[in-house]
Protein backbone atom coordinates (compact mmCIF):
# COMPACT_ATOMS: atom_id res chain seq x y z
CA MET A 1 0.00 0.00 0.00
CA ASN A 2 1.40 3.36 -0.98
CA ILE A 3 0.81 6.59 0.92
CA GLY A 4 -1.94 7.90 -1.45
CA GLN A 5 -4.06 4.80 -0.93
CA LEU A 6 -3.48 4.93 2.81
CA ILE A 7 -4.66 8.55 2.97
CA LYS A 8 -7.77 7.79 0.89
CA SER A 9 -8.72 4.86 3.12
CA PHE A 10 -8.23 7.01 6.24
CA GLU A 11 -10.40 9.80 4.76
CA ALA A 12 -13.10 7.30 3.77
CA ASP A 13 -13.35 6.16 7.40
CA GLN A 14 -13.76 9.77 8.61
CA MET A 15 -16.43 10.78 6.07
CA LYS A 16 -20.11 10.72 6.96
CA LYS A 17 -22.27 8.18 5.21
CA GLN A 18 -25.53 10.17 5.14
CA VAL A 19 -25.22 13.67 3.63
CA PRO A 20 -28.47 14.97 2.09
CA PRO A 21 -28.32 16.01 -1.58
CA PHE A 22 -28.73 19.78 -1.26
CA ARG A 23 -27.67 22.44 -3.75
CA PRO A 24 -27.01 26.20 -3.69
CA GLY A 25 -30.29 28.07 -3.22
CA ASP A 26 -31.73 25.46 -0.88
CA THR A 27 -32.67 26.43 2.68
CA ILE A 28 -31.06 24.03 5.13
CA ASN A 29 -30.92 23.61 8.88
CA VAL A 30 -27.46 22.67 10.21
CA SER A 31 -27.28 21.29 13.77
CA LEU A 32 -23.97 21.81 15.58
CA LYS A 33 -22.59 20.46 18.82
CA ILE A 34 -21.36 23.33 20.96
CA LYS A 35 -19.32 22.75 24.08
CA GLU A 36 -19.55 25.45 26.75
CA GLY A 37 -17.39 24.54 29.73
CA GLU A 38 -18.55 21.09 30.79
CA LYS A 39 -21.97 21.38 29.15
CA GLU A 40 -22.64 20.29 25.60
CA ARG A 41 -25.67 21.41 23.58
CA VAL A 42 -26.93 21.37 20.00
CA GLN A 43 -27.42 24.68 18.20
CA ALA A 44 -29.29 25.05 14.89
CA PHE A 45 -28.25 27.41 12.09
CA GLN A 46 -30.87 27.79 9.35
CA GLY A 47 -30.17 29.69 6.14
CA ILE A 48 -29.71 29.63 2.37
CA VAL A 49 -26.82 27.66 0.85
CA VAL A 50 -24.57 30.17 -0.91
CA GLN A 51 -22.01 27.64 -2.16
CA ARG A 52 -20.56 24.18 -1.83
CA SER A 53 -16.85 23.79 -2.35
CA GLY A 54 -14.18 21.14 -2.01
CA THR A 55 -14.36 17.39 -2.44
CA GLY A 56 -14.16 14.39 -0.20
CA ILE A 57 -13.39 15.07 3.43
CA ASN A 58 -12.52 18.69 2.63
CA GLU A 59 -16.00 19.55 1.35
CA THR A 60 -17.53 22.67 2.90
CA VAL A 61 -20.83 24.52 2.63
CA THR A 62 -21.43 28.26 3.11
CA VAL A 63 -24.80 29.10 4.66
CA ARG A 64 -26.22 32.65 4.87
CA LYS A 65 -29.03 33.96 7.05
CA LEU A 66 -30.33 37.31 8.21
CA SER A 67 -30.15 37.86 11.95
CA GLU A 68 -31.86 41.04 13.14
CA GLY A 69 -31.31 42.69 9.75
CA VAL A 70 -27.62 41.75 9.58
CA GLY A 71 -26.39 39.11 7.13
CA VAL A 72 -24.48 36.26 8.78
CA GLU A 73 -22.53 33.65 6.80
CA ARG A 74 -20.95 30.54 8.24
CA ILE A 75 -18.78 27.96 6.58
CA PHE A 76 -19.39 24.41 7.76
CA PRO A 77 -17.19 21.42 6.96
CA LEU A 78 -19.70 18.73 5.96
CA HIS A 79 -17.79 15.82 7.48
CA ALA A 80 -16.81 17.47 10.79
CA GLU A 81 -17.72 15.72 14.02
CA ASN A 82 -19.45 18.77 15.49
CA VAL A 83 -21.93 18.93 12.57
CA THR A 84 -24.53 16.46 13.83
CA ASP A 85 -27.36 16.84 11.33
CA ILE A 86 -28.28 18.63 8.10
CA LYS A 87 -31.94 18.92 7.08
CA ILE A 88 -33.34 20.39 3.88
CA VAL A 89 -36.13 22.84 4.76
CA LYS A 90 -37.02 23.83 1.18
CA GLN A 91 -35.45 23.60 -2.24
CA GLY A 92 -34.70 26.78 -4.16
CA ASN A 93 -34.74 27.30 -7.89
CA VAL A 94 -31.55 29.13 -8.93
CA ARG A 95 -29.33 29.03 -11.99
CA ARG A 96 -25.97 29.72 -10.34
CA SER A 97 -23.61 27.60 -8.32
CA LYS A 98 -22.30 30.52 -6.26
CA LEU A 99 -24.91 32.94 -4.91
CA TYR A 100 -22.62 35.81 -3.95
CA TYR A 101 -25.12 38.30 -5.37
CA LEU A 102 -27.34 37.68 -2.32
CA ARG A 103 -24.88 39.68 -0.22
CA LYS A 104 -25.94 42.90 -1.94
CA LEU A 105 -29.69 42.25 -1.78
CA GLN A 106 -32.07 42.86 1.10
CA GLY A 107 -35.69 42.11 1.91
CA LYS A 108 -37.95 40.83 -0.84
CA ALA A 109 -35.21 41.20 -3.45
CA ALA A 110 -33.16 38.52 -1.66
CA ARG A 111 -35.92 35.91 -1.91
CA ILE A 112 -35.34 32.76 -3.91
CA ARG A 113 -38.14 31.04 -5.80
CA GLU A 114 -39.07 27.65 -4.46
CA LYS A 115 -38.63 24.69 -6.77
CA SER A 116 -41.97 23.38 -8.01
CA ASP A 117 -43.03 19.95 -9.19
CA THR A 118 -43.22 20.45 -12.94
CA GLY A 119 -43.50 16.74 -13.69
CA LYS A 120 -47.17 16.56 -12.70
CA VAL A 121 -49.68 18.18 -15.01
CA VAL A 122 -53.03 18.87 -13.44
CA SER A 123 -55.94 18.87 -15.92
CA GLN A 124 -58.78 21.23 -15.10
CA THR A 125 -61.21 19.93 -17.74
CA PRO A 126 -63.18 16.82 -16.80
CA LYS A 127 -62.39 13.66 -18.72
CA PRO A 128 -65.24 12.26 -20.82
CA ALA A 129 -66.92 9.07 -19.69
CA THR A 130 -65.99 5.90 -21.55
CA GLY A 131 -68.07 5.14 -24.65
CA SER A 132 -69.08 8.76 -25.24
CA ALA A 133 -67.65 11.22 -27.71
CA PRO A 134 -64.68 13.24 -26.47
CA ALA A 135 -65.58 16.70 -25.25
CA THR A 136 -64.15 19.38 -27.47
CA GLN A 137 -63.88 22.95 -26.45
CA ILE A 138 -63.98 25.69 -29.03
CA GLN A 139 -61.94 28.62 -27.97
CA GLN A 140 -63.39 31.98 -28.89
CA PRO A 141 -60.85 34.45 -30.23
CA HIS A 142 -60.05 37.38 -28.03
CA PRO A 143 -61.98 40.50 -29.02
CA VAL A 144 -59.82 42.71 -31.17
CA SER A 145 -60.05 46.44 -30.76
CA PRO A 146 -60.61 48.43 -33.98
CA PRO A 147 -57.56 50.06 -35.48
CA SER A 148 -56.85 53.36 -33.83
CA THR A 149 -57.02 56.65 -35.70
CA LYS A 150 -55.11 59.86 -35.25
CA GLU A 151 -58.11 61.42 -33.54
CA ASP A 152 -58.06 58.69 -30.88
CA LYS A 153 -54.41 59.36 -30.17
CA LYS A 154 -54.92 63.02 -29.34
CA ILE A 155 -54.34 63.55 -25.68
CA GLU A 156 -55.25 66.70 -23.86
CA LYS A 157 -52.22 68.29 -22.34
CA PRO A 158 -52.57 69.79 -18.87
CA LYS A 159 -52.41 73.56 -18.68
CA LYS A 160 -49.03 74.95 -17.84
CA LYS A 161 -48.57 76.89 -14.67
CA GLN A 162 -47.33 80.40 -15.21
CA ASN A 163 -44.06 81.47 -13.73
CA LYS A 164 -44.01 84.18 -11.12
CA LYS A 165 -41.74 86.29 -13.33
CA GLU A 166 -44.17 86.23 -16.26
CA GLY A 167 -46.97 87.57 -14.12
CA LYS A 168 -50.67 87.04 -14.39
CA PRO A 169 -52.80 88.11 -17.34
CA LYS A 170 -54.11 91.71 -17.18
CA SER A 171 -57.58 90.64 -16.22
CA GLU A 172 -56.31 88.75 -13.18
CA LYS A 173 -53.82 91.39 -11.95
CA LYS A 174 -54.60 93.05 -8.65
CA PRO A 175 -55.36 96.74 -8.88
CA GLU A 176 -52.43 98.91 -8.00
CA LYS A 177 -52.64 100.96 -4.81
CA LYS A 178 -53.14 104.64 -5.35
CA GLU A 179 -50.97 106.97 -3.44
CA THR A 180 -52.95 109.03 -1.00
CA LYS A 181 -51.68 112.06 0.80
CA LYS A 182 -52.05 111.84 4.48
CA ALA A 183 -52.38 114.94 6.50
CA VAL A 184 -49.31 115.44 8.53
CA LYS A 185 -49.68 117.42 11.71
CA SER A 186 -47.03 120.01 12.09
């Protein structure tokens, strides 16, 4: 046995047997063992898979979630002993293998469409009973609007507001104040 084969057999013993088949865009829940002093507990981290990288025992997954409005990303080694369980919450429909663009997005823009079952076609028309003629539906064409004319295209423009500098038309101007002589006591 050479060294390469020895390393591969050692790595095969350390790898986990059951890793769910998740992809980038999926929402997963990763359970971790955390040791605090003498106590040991399991903590869950749920988020969207941004990327998977590496192969074999070196395979890692980057998971992103929003915590109180702040984006948090963690990198988990898939075959580490402290990663106890990985569950797929929902499958996302994305066309990229690395979802780094999610870092710039917030709120509704950062949502990922959920993968749907496109294999099943649901028919809304009832099937005809056996022995009878098949039901045919005649589709009526959509009503077509008559061709438009130039007169239809005329749109009334709103009246422009006059600038203060231009002033109001003569009929709307306020009458000027006449100078009156006041009697001055001397």
